Amino acid sequence: MPKTLFGKLTLFWIGLFLLITGLFFYYKYTNQAFTAADLFFRVSPPLAAIGFLLSAAGLYEERGKNKLIPLVVLSISFVMLCQAGYHFIHMHTPPPRP
């Protein structure tokens, strides 16, 4: 019998749920429009890091053939983490002295 995604990927689904709910509350209480640009450029780095780590743990936990969904979420979380880190470094770097 093939295993379902909900059976083996419990940690992955918990991480995905935390990432989605965290992003929802982040955008709800900062009064920003939920667009793709905000999702990729203005996401907070802790949420992206949590989603990246938990999806990586879920991908490591999965040993069967259902690796497409964790790989997609892992890639999206990694891109979000890189964009958030770049945005954080760019916004918190002081301007060069003349």
PDB file of N, CA and C in Angstrom:
ATOM      1  N   MET A   1       0.836  -1.195   0.000  1.00  0.00           N
ATOM      2  CA  MET A   1       0.000   0.000   0.000  1.00  0.00           C
ATOM      3  C   MET A   1       0.877   1.253   0.000  1.00  0.00           C
ATOM      4  N   PRO A   2       0.576   2.201  -0.876  1.00  0.00           N
ATOM      5  CA  PRO A   2       1.368   3.440  -0.878  1.00  0.00           C
ATOM      6  C   PRO A   2       1.032   4.301   0.332  1.00  0.00           C
ATOM      7  N   LYS A   3       2.061   4.914   0.874  1.00  0.00           N
ATOM      8  CA  LYS A   3       1.838   5.792   2.025  1.00  0.00           C
ATOM      9  C   LYS A   3       1.318   7.141   1.552  1.00  0.00           C
ATOM     10  N   THR A   4       0.474   7.738   2.362  1.00  0.00           N
ATOM     11  CA  THR A   4      -0.041   9.058   2.009  1.00  0.00           C
ATOM     12  C   THR A   4       0.968  10.123   2.421  1.00  0.00           C
ATOM     13  N   LEU A   5       0.783  11.320   1.871  1.00  0.00           N
ATOM     14  CA  LEU A   5       1.671  12.422   2.217  1.00  0.00           C
ATOM     15  C   LEU A   5       1.518  12.827   3.675  1.00  0.00           C
ATOM     16  N   PHE A   6       0.312  12.661   4.219  1.00  0.00           N
ATOM     17  CA  PHE A   6       0.087  13.080   5.600  1.00  0.00           C
ATOM     18  C   PHE A   6       0.686  12.094   6.590  1.00  0.00           C
ATOM     19  N   GLY A   7       1.026  10.885   6.137  1.00  0.00           N
ATOM     20  CA  GLY A   7       1.567   9.902   7.055  1.00  0.00           C
ATOM     21  C   GLY A   7       3.025  10.148   7.398  1.00  0.00           C
ATOM     22  N   LYS A   8       3.858  10.315   6.359  1.00  0.00           N
ATOM     23  CA  LYS A   8       5.294  10.423   6.600  1.00  0.00           C
ATOM     24  C   LYS A   8       5.776  11.862   6.731  1.00  0.00           C
ATOM     25  N   LEU A   9       5.041  12.797   6.172  1.00  0.00           N
ATOM     26  CA  LEU A   9       5.536  14.171   6.132  1.00  0.00           C
ATOM     27  C   LEU A   9       4.892  15.040   7.205  1.00  0.00           C
ATOM     28  N   THR A  10       4.777  14.513   8.417  1.00  0.00           N
ATOM     29  CA  THR A  10       4.118  15.265   9.474  1.00  0.00           C
ATOM     30  C   THR A  10       4.882  16.544   9.799  1.00  0.00           C
ATOM     31  N   LEU A  11       6.193  16.454   9.935  1.00  0.00           N
ATOM     32  CA  LEU A  11       7.006  17.626  10.255  1.00  0.00           C
ATOM     33  C   LEU A  11       6.952  18.655   9.132  1.00  0.00           C
ATOM     34  N   PHE A  12       6.940  18.176   7.886  1.00  0.00           N
ATOM     35  CA  PHE A  12       6.851  19.074   6.739  1.00  0.00           C
ATOM     36  C   PHE A  12       5.540  19.847   6.741  1.00  0.00           C
ATOM     37  N   TRP A  13       4.422  19.148   7.011  1.00  0.00           N
ATOM     38  CA  TRP A  13       3.124  19.829   7.007  1.00  0.00           C
ATOM     39  C   TRP A  13       3.003  20.802   8.166  1.00  0.00           C
ATOM     40  N   ILE A  14       3.592  20.469   9.328  1.00  0.00           N
ATOM     41  CA  ILE A  14       3.580  21.403  10.461  1.00  0.00           C
ATOM     42  C   ILE A  14       4.366  22.668  10.108  1.00  0.00           C
ATOM     43  N   GLY A  15       5.526  22.492   9.467  1.00  0.00           N
ATOM     44  CA  GLY A  15       6.321  23.644   9.059  1.00  0.00           C
ATOM     45  C   GLY A  15       5.613  24.502   8.031  1.00  0.00           C
ATOM     46  N   LEU A  16       4.940  23.856   7.071  1.00  0.00           N
ATOM     47  CA  LEU A  16       4.199  24.604   6.063  1.00  0.00           C
ATOM     48  C   LEU A  16       3.046  25.366   6.695  1.00  0.00           C
ATOM     49  N   PHE A  17       2.340  24.741   7.650  1.00  0.00           N
ATOM     50  CA  PHE A  17       1.234  25.406   8.339  1.00  0.00           C
ATOM     51  C   PHE A  17       1.736  26.613   9.137  1.00  0.00           C
ATOM     52  N   LEU A  18       2.865  26.454   9.835  1.00  0.00           N
ATOM     53  CA  LEU A  18       3.428  27.572  10.599  1.00  0.00           C
ATOM     54  C   LEU A  18       3.867  28.705   9.683  1.00  0.00           C
ATOM     55  N   LEU A  19       4.451  28.357   8.538  1.00  0.00           N
ATOM     56  CA  LEU A  19       4.902  29.381   7.604  1.00  0.00           C
ATOM     57  C   LEU A  19       3.727  30.172   7.043  1.00  0.00           C
ATOM     58  N   ILE A  20       2.656  29.467   6.639  1.00  0.00           N
ATOM     59  CA  ILE A  20       1.496  30.139   6.050  1.00  0.00           C
ATOM     60  C   ILE A  20       0.773  30.995   7.083  1.00  0.00           C
ATOM     61  N   THR A  21       0.548  30.447   8.291  1.00  0.00           N
ATOM     62  CA  THR A  21      -0.156  31.234   9.305  1.00  0.00           C
ATOM     63  C   THR A  21       0.690  32.410   9.777  1.00  0.00           C
ATOM     64  N   GLY A  22       2.003  32.214   9.890  1.00  0.00           N
ATOM     65  CA  GLY A  22       2.866  33.327  10.275  1.00  0.00           C
ATOM     66  C   GLY A  22       2.851  34.440   9.247  1.00  0.00           C
ATOM     67  N   LEU A  23       2.898  34.071   7.956  1.00  0.00           N
ATOM     68  CA  LEU A  23       2.823  35.085   6.910  1.00  0.00           C
ATOM     69  C   LEU A  23       1.473  35.785   6.912  1.00  0.00           C
ATOM     70  N   PHE A  24       0.393  35.021   7.168  1.00  0.00           N
ATOM     71  CA  PHE A  24      -0.943  35.614   7.186  1.00  0.00           C
ATOM     72  C   PHE A  24      -1.048  36.665   8.285  1.00  0.00           C
ATOM     73  N   PHE A  25      -0.605  36.320   9.493  1.00  0.00           N
ATOM     74  CA  PHE A  25      -0.700  37.278  10.588  1.00  0.00           C
ATOM     75  C   PHE A  25       0.280  38.433  10.417  1.00  0.00           C
ATOM     76  N   TYR A  26       1.435  38.154   9.790  1.00  0.00           N
ATOM     77  CA  TYR A  26       2.405  39.224   9.545  1.00  0.00           C
ATOM     78  C   TYR A  26       1.811  40.276   8.612  1.00  0.00           C
ATOM     79  N   TYR A  27       1.166  39.826   7.546  1.00  0.00           N
ATOM     80  CA  TYR A  27       0.596  40.786   6.608  1.00  0.00           C
ATOM     81  C   TYR A  27      -0.717  41.370   7.110  1.00  0.00           C
ATOM     82  N   LYS A  28      -1.441  40.639   7.950  1.00  0.00           N
ATOM     83  CA  LYS A  28      -2.705  41.166   8.463  1.00  0.00           C
ATOM     84  C   LYS A  28      -2.457  42.324   9.415  1.00  0.00           C
ATOM     85  N   TYR A  29      -1.451  42.189  10.272  1.00  0.00           N
ATOM     86  CA  TYR A  29      -1.237  43.213  11.288  1.00  0.00           C
ATOM     87  C   TYR A  29      -0.249  44.289  10.872  1.00  0.00           C
ATOM     88  N   THR A  30       0.307  44.216   9.672  1.00  0.00           N
ATOM     89  CA  THR A  30       1.115  45.321   9.177  1.00  0.00           C
ATOM     90  C   THR A  30       0.383  46.092   8.092  1.00  0.00           C
ATOM     91  N   ASN A  31      -0.843  45.709   7.778  1.00  0.00           N
ATOM     92  CA  ASN A  31      -1.714  46.414   6.829  1.00  0.00           C
ATOM     93  C   ASN A  31      -1.051  46.574   5.461  1.00  0.00           C
ATOM     94  N   GLN A  32      -0.475  45.481   4.965  1.00  0.00           N
ATOM     95  CA  GLN A  32       0.096  45.501   3.630  1.00  0.00           C
ATOM     96  C   GLN A  32      -0.725  44.592   2.728  1.00  0.00           C
ATOM     97  N   ALA A  33      -0.701  44.923   1.453  1.00  0.00           N
ATOM     98  CA  ALA A  33      -1.391  44.070   0.487  1.00  0.00           C
ATOM     99  C   ALA A  33      -0.593  42.790   0.300  1.00  0.00           C
ATOM    100  N   PHE A  34      -1.302  41.676   0.219  1.00  0.00           N
ATOM    101  CA  PHE A  34      -0.639  40.374   0.093  1.00  0.00           C
ATOM    102  C   PHE A  34      -0.394  40.099  -1.382  1.00  0.00           C
ATOM    103  N   THR A  35       0.751  40.553  -1.868  1.00  0.00           N
ATOM    104  CA  THR A  35       1.104  40.337  -3.269  1.00  0.00           C
ATOM    105  C   THR A  35       2.364  39.484  -3.347  1.00  0.00           C
ATOM    106  N   ALA A  36       2.695  39.062  -4.557  1.00  0.00           N
ATOM    107  CA  ALA A  36       3.876  38.218  -4.734  1.00  0.00           C
ATOM    108  C   ALA A  36       5.159  38.991  -4.424  1.00  0.00           C
ATOM    109  N   ALA A  37       5.179  40.284  -4.755  1.00  0.00           N
ATOM    110  CA  ALA A  37       6.376  41.079  -4.466  1.00  0.00           C
ATOM    111  C   ALA A  37       6.598  41.205  -2.964  1.00  0.00           C
ATOM    112  N   ASP A  38       5.503  41.430  -2.210  1.00  0.00           N
ATOM    113  CA  ASP A  38       5.637  41.488  -0.755  1.00  0.00           C
ATOM    114  C   ASP A  38       6.044  40.134  -0.201  1.00  0.00           C
ATOM    115  N   LEU A  39       5.510  39.072  -0.802  1.00  0.00           N
ATOM    116  CA  LEU A  39       5.814  37.733  -0.305  1.00  0.00           C
ATOM    117  C   LEU A  39       7.292  37.410  -0.479  1.00  0.00           C
ATOM    118  N   PHE A  40       7.884  37.849  -1.569  1.00  0.00           N
ATOM    119  CA  PHE A  40       9.276  37.483  -1.830  1.00  0.00           C
ATOM    120  C   PHE A  40      10.276  38.511  -1.315  1.00  0.00           C
ATOM    121  N   PHE A  41       9.879  39.777  -1.202  1.00  0.00           N
ATOM    122  CA  PHE A  41      10.850  40.803  -0.839  1.00  0.00           C
ATOM    123  C   PHE A  41      10.670  41.348   0.571  1.00  0.00           C
ATOM    124  N   ARG A  42       9.467  41.268   1.139  1.00  0.00           N
ATOM    125  CA  ARG A  42       9.228  41.868   2.448  1.00  0.00           C
ATOM    126  C   ARG A  42       8.870  40.853   3.511  1.00  0.00           C
ATOM    127  N   VAL A  43       9.161  39.595   3.258  1.00  0.00           N
ATOM    128  CA  VAL A  43       8.867  38.565   4.255  1.00  0.00           C
ATOM    129  C   VAL A  43       9.893  38.681   5.378  1.00  0.00           C
ATOM    130  N   SER A  44       9.467  38.401   6.578  1.00  0.00           N
ATOM    131  CA  SER A  44      10.407  38.507   7.695  1.00  0.00           C
ATOM    132  C   SER A  44      11.359  37.315   7.676  1.00  0.00           C
ATOM    133  N   PRO A  45      12.637  37.523   7.942  1.00  0.00           N
ATOM    134  CA  PRO A  45      13.616  36.435   7.892  1.00  0.00           C
ATOM    135  C   PRO A  45      13.358  35.289   8.862  1.00  0.00           C
ATOM    136  N   PRO A  46      12.838  35.506  10.076  1.00  0.00           N
ATOM    137  CA  PRO A  46      12.580  34.339  10.937  1.00  0.00           C
ATOM    138  C   PRO A  46      11.539  33.389  10.378  1.00  0.00           C
ATOM    139  N   LEU A  47      10.483  33.914   9.758  1.00  0.00           N
ATOM    140  CA  LEU A  47       9.467  33.029   9.186  1.00  0.00           C
ATOM    141  C   LEU A  47      10.039  32.224   8.031  1.00  0.00           C
ATOM    142  N   ALA A  48      10.837  32.861   7.202  1.00  0.00           N
ATOM    143  CA  ALA A  48      11.450  32.144   6.088  1.00  0.00           C
ATOM    144  C   ALA A  48      12.430  31.089   6.589  1.00  0.00           C
ATOM    145  N   ALA A  49      13.164  31.420   7.647  1.00  0.00           N
ATOM    146  CA  ALA A  49      14.120  30.457   8.197  1.00  0.00           C
ATOM    147  C   ALA A  49      13.402  29.266   8.811  1.00  0.00           C
ATOM    148  N   ILE A  50      12.299  29.529   9.522  1.00  0.00           N
ATOM    149  CA  ILE A  50      11.532  28.431  10.122  1.00  0.00           C
ATOM    150  C   ILE A  50      10.947  27.536   9.034  1.00  0.00           C
ATOM    151  N   GLY A  51      10.365  28.148   8.006  1.00  0.00           N
ATOM    152  CA  GLY A  51       9.810  27.356   6.914  1.00  0.00           C
ATOM    153  C   GLY A  51      10.874  26.562   6.179  1.00  0.00           C
ATOM    154  N   PHE A  52      12.044  27.171   5.982  1.00  0.00           N
ATOM    155  CA  PHE A  52      13.136  26.482   5.299  1.00  0.00           C
ATOM    156  C   PHE A  52      13.630  25.287   6.107  1.00  0.00           C
ATOM    157  N   LEU A  53      13.830  25.481   7.412  1.00  0.00           N
ATOM    158  CA  LEU A  53      14.354  24.398   8.239  1.00  0.00           C
ATOM    159  C   LEU A  53      13.350  23.257   8.379  1.00  0.00           C
ATOM    160  N   LEU A  54      12.073  23.598   8.581  1.00  0.00           N
ATOM    161  CA  LEU A  54      11.084  22.541   8.768  1.00  0.00           C
ATOM    162  C   LEU A  54      10.808  21.787   7.470  1.00  0.00           C
ATOM    163  N   SER A  55      10.810  22.498   6.330  1.00  0.00           N
ATOM    164  CA  SER A  55      10.621  21.782   5.069  1.00  0.00           C
ATOM    165  C   SER A  55      11.843  20.925   4.743  1.00  0.00           C
ATOM    166  N   ALA A  56      13.038  21.385   5.142  1.00  0.00           N
ATOM    167  CA  ALA A  56      14.229  20.555   4.958  1.00  0.00           C
ATOM    168  C   ALA A  56      14.158  19.313   5.832  1.00  0.00           C
ATOM    169  N   ALA A  57      13.674  19.476   7.068  1.00  0.00           N
ATOM    170  CA  ALA A  57      13.517  18.318   7.941  1.00  0.00           C
ATOM    171  C   ALA A  57      12.456  17.364   7.405  1.00  0.00           C
ATOM    172  N   GLY A  58      11.372  17.911   6.842  1.00  0.00           N
ATOM    173  CA  GLY A  58      10.348  17.060   6.246  1.00  0.00           C
ATOM    174  C   GLY A  58      10.849  16.347   5.007  1.00  0.00           C
ATOM    175  N   LEU A  59      11.697  17.025   4.223  1.00  0.00           N
ATOM    176  CA  LEU A  59      12.275  16.388   3.041  1.00  0.00           C
ATOM    177  C   LEU A  59      13.243  15.286   3.444  1.00  0.00           C
ATOM    178  N   TYR A  60      13.980  15.502   4.526  1.00  0.00           N
ATOM    179  CA  TYR A  60      14.889  14.464   5.013  1.00  0.00           C
ATOM    180  C   TYR A  60      14.108  13.286   5.588  1.00  0.00           C
ATOM    181  N   GLU A  61      12.962  13.588   6.201  1.00  0.00           N
ATOM    182  CA  GLU A  61      12.152  12.525   6.799  1.00  0.00           C
ATOM    183  C   GLU A  61      11.511  11.644   5.728  1.00  0.00           C
ATOM    184  N   GLU A  62      11.171  12.246   4.597  1.00  0.00           N
ATOM    185  CA  GLU A  62      10.511  11.497   3.528  1.00  0.00           C
ATOM    186  C   GLU A  62      11.538  10.658   2.779  1.00  0.00           C
ATOM    187  N   ARG A  63      11.335   9.344   2.754  1.00  0.00           N
ATOM    188  CA  ARG A  63      12.273   8.450   2.066  1.00  0.00           C
ATOM    189  C   ARG A  63      11.650   7.783   0.842  1.00  0.00           C
ATOM    190  N   GLY A  64      10.390   8.089   0.557  1.00  0.00           N
ATOM    191  CA  GLY A  64       9.706   7.420  -0.546  1.00  0.00           C
ATOM    192  C   GLY A  64       9.854   8.169  -1.857  1.00  0.00           C
ATOM    193  N   LYS A  65       8.806   8.132  -2.670  1.00  0.00           N
ATOM    194  CA  LYS A  65       8.844   8.744  -3.988  1.00  0.00           C
ATOM    195  C   LYS A  65       8.177  10.112  -4.022  1.00  0.00           C
ATOM    196  N   ASN A  66       7.501  10.521  -2.966  1.00  0.00           N
ATOM    197  CA  ASN A  66       6.786  11.801  -2.953  1.00  0.00           C
ATOM    198  C   ASN A  66       7.724  12.913  -2.488  1.00  0.00           C
ATOM    199  N   LYS A  67       8.671  13.272  -3.352  1.00  0.00           N
ATOM    200  CA  LYS A  67       9.634  14.301  -2.989  1.00  0.00           C
ATOM    201  C   LYS A  67       9.398  15.603  -3.734  1.00  0.00           C
ATOM    202  N   LEU A  68       8.396  15.677  -4.590  1.00  0.00           N
ATOM    203  CA  LEU A  68       8.196  16.876  -5.398  1.00  0.00           C
ATOM    204  C   LEU A  68       7.672  18.031  -4.557  1.00  0.00           C
ATOM    205  N   ILE A  69       6.649  17.783  -3.736  1.00  0.00           N
ATOM    206  CA  ILE A  69       6.053  18.863  -2.940  1.00  0.00           C
ATOM    207  C   ILE A  69       7.041  19.405  -1.904  1.00  0.00           C
ATOM    208  N   PRO A  70       7.763  18.561  -1.139  1.00  0.00           N
ATOM    209  CA  PRO A  70       8.758  19.136  -0.225  1.00  0.00           C
ATOM    210  C   PRO A  70       9.873  19.870  -0.948  1.00  0.00           C
ATOM    211  N   LEU A  71      10.258  19.399  -2.140  1.00  0.00           N
ATOM    212  CA  LEU A  71      11.320  20.060  -2.886  1.00  0.00           C
ATOM    213  C   LEU A  71      10.878  21.434  -3.367  1.00  0.00           C
ATOM    214  N   VAL A  72       9.612  21.552  -3.804  1.00  0.00           N
ATOM    215  CA  VAL A  72       9.087  22.845  -4.252  1.00  0.00           C
ATOM    216  C   VAL A  72       9.032  23.831  -3.087  1.00  0.00           C
ATOM    217  N   VAL A  73       8.497  23.376  -1.942  1.00  0.00           N
ATOM    218  CA  VAL A  73       8.394  24.278  -0.790  1.00  0.00           C
ATOM    219  C   VAL A  73       9.775  24.617  -0.244  1.00  0.00           C
ATOM    220  N   LEU A  74      10.703  23.660  -0.303  1.00  0.00           N
ATOM    221  CA  LEU A  74      12.075  23.924   0.121  1.00  0.00           C
ATOM    222  C   LEU A  74      12.721  24.977  -0.772  1.00  0.00           C
ATOM    223  N   SER A  75      12.491  24.894  -2.078  1.00  0.00           N
ATOM    224  CA  SER A  75      13.050  25.880  -3.001  1.00  0.00           C
ATOM    225  C   SER A  75      12.448  27.258  -2.771  1.00  0.00           C
ATOM    226  N   ILE A  76      11.114  27.314  -2.606  1.00  0.00           N
ATOM    227  CA  ILE A  76      10.451  28.600  -2.374  1.00  0.00           C
ATOM    228  C   ILE A  76      10.925  29.217  -1.057  1.00  0.00           C
ATOM    229  N   SER A  77      11.046  28.391  -0.014  1.00  0.00           N
ATOM    230  CA  SER A  77      11.502  28.904   1.278  1.00  0.00           C
ATOM    231  C   SER A  77      12.945  29.390   1.198  1.00  0.00           C
ATOM    232  N   PHE A  78      13.780  28.686   0.421  1.00  0.00           N
ATOM    233  CA  PHE A  78      15.169  29.109   0.277  1.00  0.00           C
ATOM    234  C   PHE A  78      15.264  30.438  -0.466  1.00  0.00           C
ATOM    235  N   VAL A  79      14.439  30.605  -1.511  1.00  0.00           N
ATOM    236  CA  VAL A  79      14.422  31.876  -2.246  1.00  0.00           C
ATOM    237  C   VAL A  79      13.939  33.001  -1.337  1.00  0.00           C
ATOM    238  N   MET A  80      12.881  32.732  -0.543  1.00  0.00           N
ATOM    239  CA  MET A  80      12.376  33.737   0.379  1.00  0.00           C
ATOM    240  C   MET A  80      13.420  34.095   1.428  1.00  0.00           C
ATOM    241  N   LEU A  81      14.159  33.102   1.908  1.00  0.00           N
ATOM    242  CA  LEU A  81      15.199  33.349   2.906  1.00  0.00           C
ATOM    243  C   LEU A  81      16.327  34.199   2.315  1.00  0.00           C
ATOM    244  N   CYS A  82      16.718  33.905   1.070  1.00  0.00           N
ATOM    245  CA  CYS A  82      17.771  34.690   0.428  1.00  0.00           C
ATOM    246  C   CYS A  82      17.316  36.122   0.179  1.00  0.00           C
ATOM    247  N   GLN A  83      16.073  36.298  -0.295  1.00  0.00           N
ATOM    248  CA  GLN A  83      15.566  37.643  -0.549  1.00  0.00           C
ATOM    249  C   GLN A  83      15.438  38.435   0.742  1.00  0.00           C
ATOM    250  N   ALA A  84      14.953  37.776   1.807  1.00  0.00           N
ATOM    251  CA  ALA A  84      14.793  38.465   3.085  1.00  0.00           C
ATOM    252  C   ALA A  84      16.152  38.824   3.674  1.00  0.00           C
ATOM    253  N   GLY A  85      17.127  37.926   3.533  1.00  0.00           N
ATOM    254  CA  GLY A  85      18.465  38.233   4.022  1.00  0.00           C
ATOM    255  C   GLY A  85      19.113  39.367   3.247  1.00  0.00           C
ATOM    256  N   TYR A  86      18.930  39.372   1.930  1.00  0.00           N
ATOM    257  CA  TYR A  86      19.469  40.463   1.116  1.00  0.00           C
ATOM    258  C   TYR A  86      18.802  41.783   1.487  1.00  0.00           C
ATOM    259  N   HIS A  87      17.482  41.746   1.673  1.00  0.00           N
ATOM    260  CA  HIS A  87      16.745  42.953   2.040  1.00  0.00           C
ATOM    261  C   HIS A  87      17.201  43.452   3.415  1.00  0.00           C
ATOM    262  N   PHE A  88      17.406  42.521   4.362  1.00  0.00           N
ATOM    263  CA  PHE A  88      17.839  42.895   5.709  1.00  0.00           C
ATOM    264  C   PHE A  88      19.231  43.522   5.675  1.00  0.00           C
ATOM    265  N   ILE A  89      20.156  42.911   4.925  1.00  0.00           N
ATOM    266  CA  ILE A  89      21.521  43.440   4.844  1.00  0.00           C
ATOM    267  C   ILE A  89      21.528  44.783   4.118  1.00  0.00           C
ATOM    268  N   HIS A  90      20.730  44.883   3.051  1.00  0.00           N
ATOM    269  CA  HIS A  90      20.696  46.114   2.265  1.00  0.00           C
ATOM    270  C   HIS A  90      20.100  47.265   3.074  1.00  0.00           C
ATOM    271  N   MET A  91      19.066  46.977   3.876  1.00  0.00           N
ATOM    272  CA  MET A  91      18.407  48.039   4.633  1.00  0.00           C
ATOM    273  C   MET A  91      19.185  48.411   5.895  1.00  0.00           C
ATOM    274  N   HIS A  92      20.006  47.510   6.426  1.00  0.00           N
ATOM    275  CA  HIS A  92      20.705  47.789   7.676  1.00  0.00           C
ATOM    276  C   HIS A  92      22.188  48.107   7.479  1.00  0.00           C
ATOM    277  N   THR A  93      22.605  48.279   6.235  1.00  0.00           N
ATOM    278  CA  THR A  93      23.988  48.667   5.974  1.00  0.00           C
ATOM    279  C   THR A  93      24.068  50.191   5.921  1.00  0.00           C
ATOM    280  N   PRO A  94      24.956  50.800   6.699  1.00  0.00           N
ATOM    281  CA  PRO A  94      25.048  52.263   6.639  1.00  0.00           C
ATOM    282  C   PRO A  94      25.611  52.716   5.298  1.00  0.00           C
ATOM    283  N   PRO A  95      25.236  53.900   4.858  1.00  0.00           N
ATOM    284  CA  PRO A  95      25.751  54.380   3.570  1.00  0.00           C
ATOM    285  C   PRO A  95      27.254  54.640   3.651  1.00  0.00           C
ATOM    286  N   PRO A  96      27.951  54.514   2.535  1.00  0.00           N
ATOM    287  CA  PRO A  96      29.410  54.736   2.559  1.00  0.00           C
ATOM    288  C   PRO A  96      29.742  56.200   2.843  1.00  0.00           C
ATOM    289  N   ARG A  97      30.855  56.379   3.525  1.00  0.00           N
ATOM    290  CA  ARG A  97      31.281  57.744   3.838  1.00  0.00           C
ATOM    291  C   ARG A  97      31.889  58.392   2.601  1.00  0.00           C
ATOM    292  N   PRO A  98      31.671  59.674   2.442  1.00  0.00           N
ATOM    293  CA  PRO A  98      32.242  60.353   1.260  1.00  0.00           C
ATOM    294  C   PRO A  98      33.747  60.556   1.383  1.00  0.00           C
TER     295      PRO A  98
END
